[in-house]
């Protein structure tokens, strides 16, 4: 009888992995991890999810219609990404809080059930006086006061507790948490918000960002957030984009808000917008992060082929997981960013939605699995 002696050699191969290749919340839920990875896969594929702010809450001529959006009226599908806002849950007005909480939970659950993604901005009231988020309306410097040891720090923690209370109620019918994107302190490189450049120092802004993420995930146990960092379009280099960057341990997604470079009365330079978005995309790729065009649009859409002739070519030059255009106000006749039925840009927008690059909600399956 022959004997065979087998030698088993165990080889451990250590593959270098960026710490930022995973979510910054090490306790993120499984579904949050799945969404994060699927967004990365979409980004790598060259496809782009289309988003619209508060698309299913109201439109140009309606408020609260069930399962409706101006986008769906034109294209046959809701946007794949729905933009929402935590503004009305960080308030001392309990009635306003309860109304906002109910509406946000309903929107997140409905979007999840349809297969879409929810992303949250936060136009926070100025904690100094519960005033406006706009600096020009309430020009009170407050960032130093809401940091640890500041006189309004406890009040700021209550703001975050309110966000955590709402986020903990984002659950499916089995009680499993639904993940969302959270994008605080956006457009910080402008001076129009109380957290903006000129109203706090670089160190204060970074400290505020880090405290916010740490407190939500470590103290309040919020584990269904993907954290997005999104300046406005004031940068032209990687160094400028990263000037106020709080660090890879605090950011999952890099974004940019850019209306200015598309405005005929503004920058009027879509090529420059594309170059800036490429900077965002390149940094995100180098850091193993998600990238997104977090806000954009052309108010009133005076250019009838804007979506296919201007926006689409910009998106096709970069790798981003989604693009979001701003809201269609129901109470401001000219404040809208997605065309409605009969608008001169409607046919072009429908063609844009059918492009091989663009993914609408109807094009997305199993994004949480």
Protein backbone atom coordinates (compact mmCIF):
# COMPACT_ATOMS: atom_id res chain seq x y z
CA UNK A 1 0.00 0.00 0.00
CA UNK A 2 1.47 3.26 -1.04
CA UNK A 3 1.33 6.10 1.32
CA UNK A 4 0.88 9.61 0.12
CA UNK A 5 2.08 12.34 2.31
CA UNK A 6 0.44 15.68 1.67
CA UNK A 7 2.09 18.82 2.72
CA UNK A 8 -0.35 21.67 3.23
CA UNK A 9 1.24 25.02 2.90
CA UNK A 10 -0.82 27.89 4.16
CA UNK A 11 0.07 31.14 2.55
CA UNK A 12 -1.35 34.29 4.01
CA UNK A 13 -1.52 37.03 1.46
CA UNK A 14 -1.96 40.46 2.89
CA UNK A 15 -3.67 42.74 0.41
CA UNK A 16 -3.36 46.41 1.21
CA UNK A 17 -6.79 47.95 1.63
CA UNK A 18 -7.46 51.62 2.20
CA UNK A 19 -9.20 52.23 5.51
CA UNK A 20 -11.65 54.33 3.51
CA UNK A 21 -12.68 51.38 1.33
CA UNK A 22 -15.23 50.66 4.05
CA UNK A 23 -17.84 52.87 5.67
CA UNK A 24 -16.57 55.25 8.32
CA UNK A 25 -19.08 53.72 10.73
CA UNK A 26 -17.60 50.35 11.67
CA UNK A 27 -20.99 49.38 13.13
CA UNK A 28 -23.00 50.29 10.03
CA UNK A 29 -25.92 47.96 9.40
CA UNK A 30 -25.62 45.22 6.81
CA UNK A 31 -28.12 46.98 4.60
CA UNK A 32 -26.15 50.22 4.82
CA UNK A 33 -23.02 48.35 3.76
CA UNK A 34 -24.93 46.82 0.86
CA UNK A 35 -26.19 50.20 -0.34
CA UNK A 36 -22.69 51.64 -0.07
CA UNK A 37 -21.19 48.81 -2.13
CA UNK A 38 -23.94 48.92 -4.75
CA UNK A 39 -23.48 52.67 -5.14
CA UNK A 40 -19.78 52.00 -5.66
CA UNK A 41 -20.57 49.40 -8.30
CA UNK A 42 -22.86 51.85 -10.10
CA UNK A 43 -20.16 54.51 -9.94
CA UNK A 44 -17.53 52.16 -11.39
CA UNK A 45 -19.89 51.12 -14.20
CA UNK A 46 -20.20 54.65 -15.56
CA UNK A 47 -23.94 54.71 -14.87
CA UNK A 48 -25.48 57.55 -12.86
CA UNK A 49 -28.59 57.49 -10.69
CA UNK A 50 -30.85 60.51 -11.32
CA UNK A 51 -32.17 62.38 -8.30
CA UNK A 52 -34.58 65.23 -7.60
CA UNK A 53 -35.08 67.14 -4.35
CA UNK A 54 -38.38 66.42 -2.57
CA UNK A 55 -39.70 64.94 -5.80
CA UNK A 56 -42.55 62.92 -4.31
CA UNK A 57 -43.60 65.46 -1.67
CA UNK A 58 -44.84 68.14 -4.05
CA UNK A 59 -44.51 69.48 -7.58
CA UNK A 60 -45.10 72.72 -9.43
CA UNK A 61 -48.91 72.43 -9.30
CA UNK A 62 -49.60 69.93 -6.52
CA UNK A 63 -48.79 68.98 -2.94
CA UNK A 64 -49.04 65.55 -1.34
CA UNK A 65 -50.46 63.52 -4.23
CA UNK A 66 -49.83 59.84 -3.57
CA UNK A 67 -47.15 58.12 -5.68
CA UNK A 68 -46.64 61.19 -7.85
CA UNK A 69 -43.68 63.25 -8.98
CA UNK A 70 -43.24 65.78 -11.78
CA UNK A 71 -40.40 63.54 -12.97
CA UNK A 72 -42.69 60.52 -13.20
CA UNK A 73 -45.34 62.55 -15.02
CA UNK A 74 -42.80 63.25 -17.79
CA UNK A 75 -40.63 60.11 -17.87
CA UNK A 76 -42.86 57.35 -16.48
CA UNK A 77 -40.54 56.77 -13.51
CA UNK A 78 -39.76 58.44 -10.23
CA UNK A 79 -36.15 59.58 -9.73
CA UNK A 80 -33.86 56.88 -8.37
CA UNK A 81 -32.70 59.28 -5.65
CA UNK A 82 -35.06 61.44 -3.59
CA UNK A 83 -33.61 64.45 -1.79
CA UNK A 84 -34.99 65.32 1.66
CA UNK A 85 -34.03 67.66 4.51
CA UNK A 86 -33.67 67.39 8.29
CA UNK A 87 -34.32 71.14 8.69
CA UNK A 88 -37.73 70.85 10.31
CA UNK A 89 -36.79 68.17 12.83
CA UNK A 90 -34.12 70.33 14.47
CA UNK A 91 -36.51 72.84 15.96
CA UNK A 92 -37.88 73.80 19.37
CA UNK A 93 -41.40 73.74 17.88
CA UNK A 94 -42.76 70.32 18.89
CA UNK A 95 -45.69 70.45 16.46
CA UNK A 96 -43.37 71.27 13.58
CA UNK A 97 -41.05 68.44 14.65
CA UNK A 98 -43.81 65.82 14.77
CA UNK A 99 -45.17 66.84 11.37
CA UNK A 100 -41.71 66.72 9.78
CA UNK A 101 -40.88 63.41 11.47
CA UNK A 102 -44.05 61.79 10.15
CA UNK A 103 -43.51 63.10 6.61
CA UNK A 104 -39.84 62.11 6.45
CA UNK A 105 -40.43 58.60 7.75
CA UNK A 106 -43.24 58.08 5.25
CA UNK A 107 -41.09 59.36 2.38
CA UNK A 108 -38.05 57.23 3.27
CA UNK A 109 -40.15 54.08 3.69
CA UNK A 110 -42.07 54.67 0.45
CA UNK A 111 -38.87 55.34 -1.49
CA UNK A 112 -37.25 52.23 -0.03
CA UNK A 113 -40.28 50.09 -0.90
CA UNK A 114 -40.10 51.31 -4.50
CA UNK A 115 -36.36 50.56 -4.63
CA UNK A 116 -35.05 54.13 -4.54
CA UNK A 117 -32.52 55.92 -2.35
CA UNK A 118 -33.06 58.84 0.06
CA UNK A 119 -30.44 61.53 0.64
CA UNK A 120 -30.69 64.20 3.35
CA UNK A 121 -29.41 67.75 3.36
CA UNK A 122 -29.64 69.75 6.60
CA UNK A 123 -30.62 73.41 6.41
CA UNK A 124 -30.29 73.76 10.18
CA UNK A 125 -31.73 76.76 11.99
CA UNK A 126 -29.10 78.98 13.56
CA UNK A 127 -28.77 77.56 17.10
CA UNK A 128 -28.03 81.04 18.46
CA UNK A 129 -31.66 82.13 18.09
CA UNK A 130 -33.52 79.31 16.29
CA UNK A 131 -33.32 81.62 13.32
CA UNK A 132 -32.68 81.14 9.63
CA UNK A 133 -29.94 79.00 8.16
CA UNK A 134 -29.22 81.96 5.87
CA UNK A 135 -26.48 84.21 7.19
CA UNK A 136 -27.98 87.39 5.76
CA UNK A 137 -31.20 86.86 7.74
CA UNK A 138 -29.51 85.99 11.05
CA UNK A 139 -25.85 87.08 10.94
CA UNK A 140 -24.82 85.55 14.27
CA UNK A 141 -21.56 83.60 14.51
CA UNK A 142 -22.39 80.40 16.33
CA UNK A 143 -20.02 77.56 15.37
CA UNK A 144 -17.59 78.11 18.31
CA UNK A 145 -20.56 78.13 20.70
CA UNK A 146 -21.93 74.75 19.61
CA UNK A 147 -18.60 72.93 19.86
CA UNK A 148 -17.76 71.02 23.07
CA UNK A 149 -17.28 73.51 25.93
CA UNK A 150 -19.33 76.10 24.00
CA UNK A 151 -22.32 77.76 25.67
CA UNK A 152 -24.76 76.26 23.13
CA UNK A 153 -23.22 72.81 22.93
CA UNK A 154 -26.07 71.13 24.81
CA UNK A 155 -28.57 72.69 22.43
CA UNK A 156 -26.61 71.41 19.44
CA UNK A 157 -26.56 67.92 20.92
CA UNK A 158 -30.36 68.13 21.14
CA UNK A 159 -30.40 68.94 17.41
CA UNK A 160 -28.47 65.74 16.76
CA UNK A 161 -30.68 63.76 19.14
CA UNK A 162 -33.70 64.85 17.08
CA UNK A 163 -32.03 63.63 13.89
CA UNK A 164 -31.18 60.33 15.57
CA UNK A 165 -34.75 59.91 16.81
CA UNK A 166 -36.08 60.27 13.28
CA UNK A 167 -33.37 58.12 11.67
CA UNK A 168 -34.07 55.30 14.12
CA UNK A 169 -37.63 55.16 12.79
CA UNK A 170 -36.54 54.58 9.18
CA UNK A 171 -37.56 50.91 9.15
CA UNK A 172 -39.09 48.43 6.74
CA UNK A 173 -42.11 46.26 7.57
CA UNK A 174 -39.83 43.74 9.32
CA UNK A 175 -38.36 46.47 11.51
CA UNK A 176 -34.99 46.53 9.73
CA UNK A 177 -33.33 49.95 9.51
CA UNK A 178 -33.34 51.65 6.11
CA UNK A 179 -30.05 53.36 5.18
CA UNK A 180 -29.92 56.93 3.90
CA UNK A 181 -27.25 59.40 2.81
CA UNK A 182 -26.65 62.29 5.24
CA UNK A 183 -25.02 65.44 3.84
CA UNK A 184 -24.54 68.03 6.59
CA UNK A 185 -22.96 71.49 6.28
CA UNK A 186 -23.16 71.55 2.49
CA UNK A 187 -21.80 74.48 0.47
CA UNK A 188 -19.60 75.45 3.43
CA UNK A 189 -17.17 77.20 1.07
CA UNK A 190 -19.78 79.88 0.40
CA UNK A 191 -20.77 82.57 2.88
CA UNK A 192 -24.57 82.25 2.68
CA UNK A 193 -25.07 79.73 5.55
CA UNK A 194 -24.14 80.20 9.22
CA UNK A 195 -21.63 77.34 8.97
CA UNK A 196 -20.04 78.86 5.85
CA UNK A 197 -16.59 80.18 5.14
CA UNK A 198 -16.00 83.49 6.87
CA UNK A 199 -18.34 82.65 9.75
CA UNK A 200 -16.05 80.05 11.32
CA UNK A 201 -12.41 79.07 11.00
CA UNK A 202 -11.15 76.01 9.17
CA UNK A 203 -10.33 74.32 12.48
CA UNK A 204 -13.78 75.12 13.89
CA UNK A 205 -15.52 73.70 10.83
CA UNK A 206 -13.48 70.49 10.94
CA UNK A 207 -14.11 70.15 14.68
CA UNK A 208 -17.85 70.62 14.11
CA UNK A 209 -17.91 67.99 11.38
CA UNK A 210 -15.95 65.46 13.42
CA UNK A 211 -18.02 66.00 16.55
CA UNK A 212 -21.26 65.62 14.56
CA UNK A 213 -20.30 62.29 13.01
CA UNK A 214 -18.76 60.97 16.24
CA UNK A 215 -21.79 61.91 18.31
CA UNK A 216 -24.29 60.41 15.87
CA UNK A 217 -22.52 57.09 15.37
CA UNK A 218 -20.72 56.60 18.70
CA UNK A 219 -23.04 58.20 21.27
CA UNK A 220 -26.48 58.12 19.66
CA UNK A 221 -26.04 54.78 17.90
CA UNK A 222 -27.03 55.91 14.40
CA UNK A 223 -25.73 53.17 12.11
CA UNK A 224 -27.80 53.68 8.94
CA UNK A 225 -26.06 56.80 7.59
CA UNK A 226 -23.68 57.20 4.67
CA UNK A 227 -21.89 60.52 5.31
CA UNK A 228 -21.42 62.93 2.39
CA UNK A 229 -19.11 65.96 2.22
CA UNK A 230 -20.14 68.51 -0.43
CA UNK A 231 -18.76 72.01 -0.91
CA UNK A 232 -20.09 74.41 -3.49
CA UNK A 233 -18.13 75.02 -6.68
CA UNK A 234 -15.58 77.57 -5.46
CA UNK A 235 -12.58 75.26 -5.89
CA UNK A 236 -10.49 74.72 -9.03
CA UNK A 237 -7.83 72.36 -7.66
CA UNK A 238 -7.70 69.24 -5.49
CA UNK A 239 -5.93 71.24 -2.79
CA UNK A 240 -8.74 73.80 -2.67
CA UNK A 241 -11.39 71.06 -2.54
CA UNK A 242 -9.63 69.41 0.40
CA UNK A 243 -8.89 72.62 2.35
CA UNK A 244 -11.69 72.02 4.89
CA UNK A 245 -11.81 68.23 4.49
CA UNK A 246 -12.33 66.62 7.94
CA UNK A 247 -10.48 63.40 7.13
CA UNK A 248 -11.08 59.99 5.58
CA UNK A 249 -12.36 58.60 8.89
CA UNK A 250 -15.34 60.97 8.77
CA UNK A 251 -16.49 60.94 5.13
CA UNK A 252 -17.99 58.20 2.93
CA UNK A 253 -18.91 60.27 -0.10
CA UNK A 254 -17.41 63.31 -1.82
CA UNK A 255 -19.73 65.63 -3.68
CA UNK A 256 -20.13 69.04 -5.22
CA UNK A 257 -23.05 71.45 -5.44
CA UNK A 258 -22.84 73.53 -8.61
CA UNK A 259 -25.50 75.77 -10.08
CA UNK A 260 -23.27 78.75 -10.82
CA UNK A 261 -21.25 77.31 -13.67
CA UNK A 262 -24.45 76.41 -15.57
CA UNK A 263 -26.22 79.74 -15.14
CA UNK A 264 -26.33 82.01 -18.21
CA UNK A 265 -26.22 84.95 -15.77
CA UNK A 266 -23.51 83.25 -13.70
CA UNK A 267 -20.40 81.34 -14.64
CA UNK A 268 -21.98 80.06 -17.86
CA UNK A 269 -19.18 77.51 -18.25
CA UNK A 270 -20.31 73.85 -18.29
CA UNK A 271 -16.78 72.81 -19.25
CA UNK A 272 -15.48 74.26 -16.00
CA UNK A 273 -18.25 72.42 -14.14
CA UNK A 274 -17.06 69.19 -15.75
CA UNK A 275 -13.46 69.90 -14.72
CA UNK A 276 -14.50 70.51 -11.12
CA UNK A 277 -16.62 67.36 -11.01
CA UNK A 278 -13.62 65.45 -12.38
CA UNK A 279 -11.58 66.75 -9.44
CA UNK A 280 -14.22 65.35 -7.06
CA UNK A 281 -14.35 62.05 -8.92
CA UNK A 282 -10.56 61.69 -9.01
CA UNK A 283 -10.16 62.40 -5.29
CA UNK A 284 -12.94 59.96 -4.46
CA UNK A 285 -11.32 57.25 -6.56
CA UNK A 286 -7.93 57.81 -4.95
CA UNK A 287 -9.47 57.56 -1.48
CA UNK A 288 -11.80 54.66 -2.20
CA UNK A 289 -14.83 56.89 -1.60
CA UNK A 290 -18.14 57.40 -3.32
CA UNK A 291 -18.55 60.47 -5.55
CA UNK A 292 -21.74 62.31 -6.46
CA UNK A 293 -22.99 65.47 -8.13
CA UNK A 294 -24.93 66.29 -4.99
CA UNK A 295 -26.83 69.36 -6.24
CA UNK A 296 -27.17 71.06 -9.59
CA UNK A 297 -29.70 72.29 -12.10
CA UNK A 298 -30.80 75.23 -14.21
CA UNK A 299 -33.66 77.16 -12.63
CA UNK A 300 -36.65 77.37 -14.94
CA UNK A 301 -34.76 75.35 -17.58
CA UNK A 302 -34.69 78.11 -20.24
CA UNK A 303 -32.52 75.89 -22.48
CA UNK A 304 -34.85 73.25 -23.95
CA UNK A 305 -32.06 70.71 -24.56
CA UNK A 306 -30.17 71.39 -21.33
CA UNK A 307 -30.39 67.83 -19.99
CA UNK A 308 -29.00 66.05 -23.06
CA UNK A 309 -26.77 68.81 -24.47
CA UNK A 310 -25.28 70.19 -21.24
CA UNK A 311 -25.77 67.99 -18.17
CA UNK A 312 -25.39 64.57 -19.78
CA UNK A 313 -21.97 65.27 -21.38
CA UNK A 314 -20.69 66.50 -17.99
CA UNK A 315 -21.81 63.27 -16.32
CA UNK A 316 -20.31 61.10 -19.04
CA UNK A 317 -16.84 62.52 -18.37
CA UNK A 318 -16.68 61.33 -14.74
CA UNK A 319 -17.50 58.47 -12.38
CA UNK A 320 -20.23 59.53 -9.95
CA UNK A 321 -22.96 57.39 -8.41
CA UNK A 322 -25.74 59.99 -8.63
CA UNK A 323 -26.73 63.45 -9.75
CA UNK A 324 -29.50 65.45 -8.07
CA UNK A 325 -31.31 68.51 -9.41
CA UNK A 326 -33.05 70.86 -7.00
CA UNK A 327 -36.74 71.01 -6.18
CA UNK A 328 -39.87 72.05 -8.04
CA UNK A 329 -41.50 74.55 -5.69
CA UNK A 330 -45.29 74.55 -5.53
CA UNK A 331 -45.41 78.12 -4.21
CA UNK A 332 -42.82 79.88 -6.42
CA UNK A 333 -43.71 80.00 -10.10
CA UNK A 334 -40.17 80.13 -11.49
CA UNK A 335 -38.33 78.02 -8.91
CA UNK A 336 -38.14 74.58 -10.51
CA UNK A 337 -35.40 72.35 -11.92
CA UNK A 338 -37.22 69.41 -13.54
CA UNK A 339 -39.62 70.02 -16.42
CA UNK A 340 -43.31 69.27 -16.19
CA UNK A 341 -45.60 67.91 -18.90
CA UNK A 342 -45.82 70.44 -21.73
CA UNK A 343 -42.64 72.30 -20.77
CA UNK A 344 -40.31 73.01 -23.75
CA UNK A 345 -37.62 70.83 -22.10
CA UNK A 346 -39.93 67.88 -21.34
CA UNK A 347 -39.09 65.79 -24.41
CA UNK A 348 -35.39 66.37 -23.94
CA UNK A 349 -35.66 65.38 -20.29
CA UNK A 350 -37.42 62.17 -21.26
CA UNK A 351 -34.63 61.41 -23.74
CA UNK A 352 -32.09 62.13 -20.99
CA UNK A 353 -33.85 59.68 -18.67
CA UNK A 354 -33.67 57.00 -21.38
CA UNK A 355 -29.94 57.49 -21.98
CA UNK A 356 -27.74 54.46 -21.35
CA UNK A 357 -25.90 56.54 -18.75
CA UNK A 358 -28.89 57.47 -16.59
CA UNK A 359 -30.67 55.20 -14.13
CA UNK A 360 -34.17 56.10 -13.00
CA UNK A 361 -35.98 54.36 -10.17
CA UNK A 362 -37.55 51.86 -12.59
CA UNK A 363 -34.05 50.87 -13.73
CA UNK A 364 -32.83 49.95 -10.24
CA UNK A 365 -33.27 46.57 -8.56
CA UNK A 366 -31.92 45.15 -5.30
CA UNK A 367 -29.84 48.19 -4.40
CA UNK A 368 -30.06 47.21 -0.72
CA UNK A 369 -29.03 43.57 -1.23
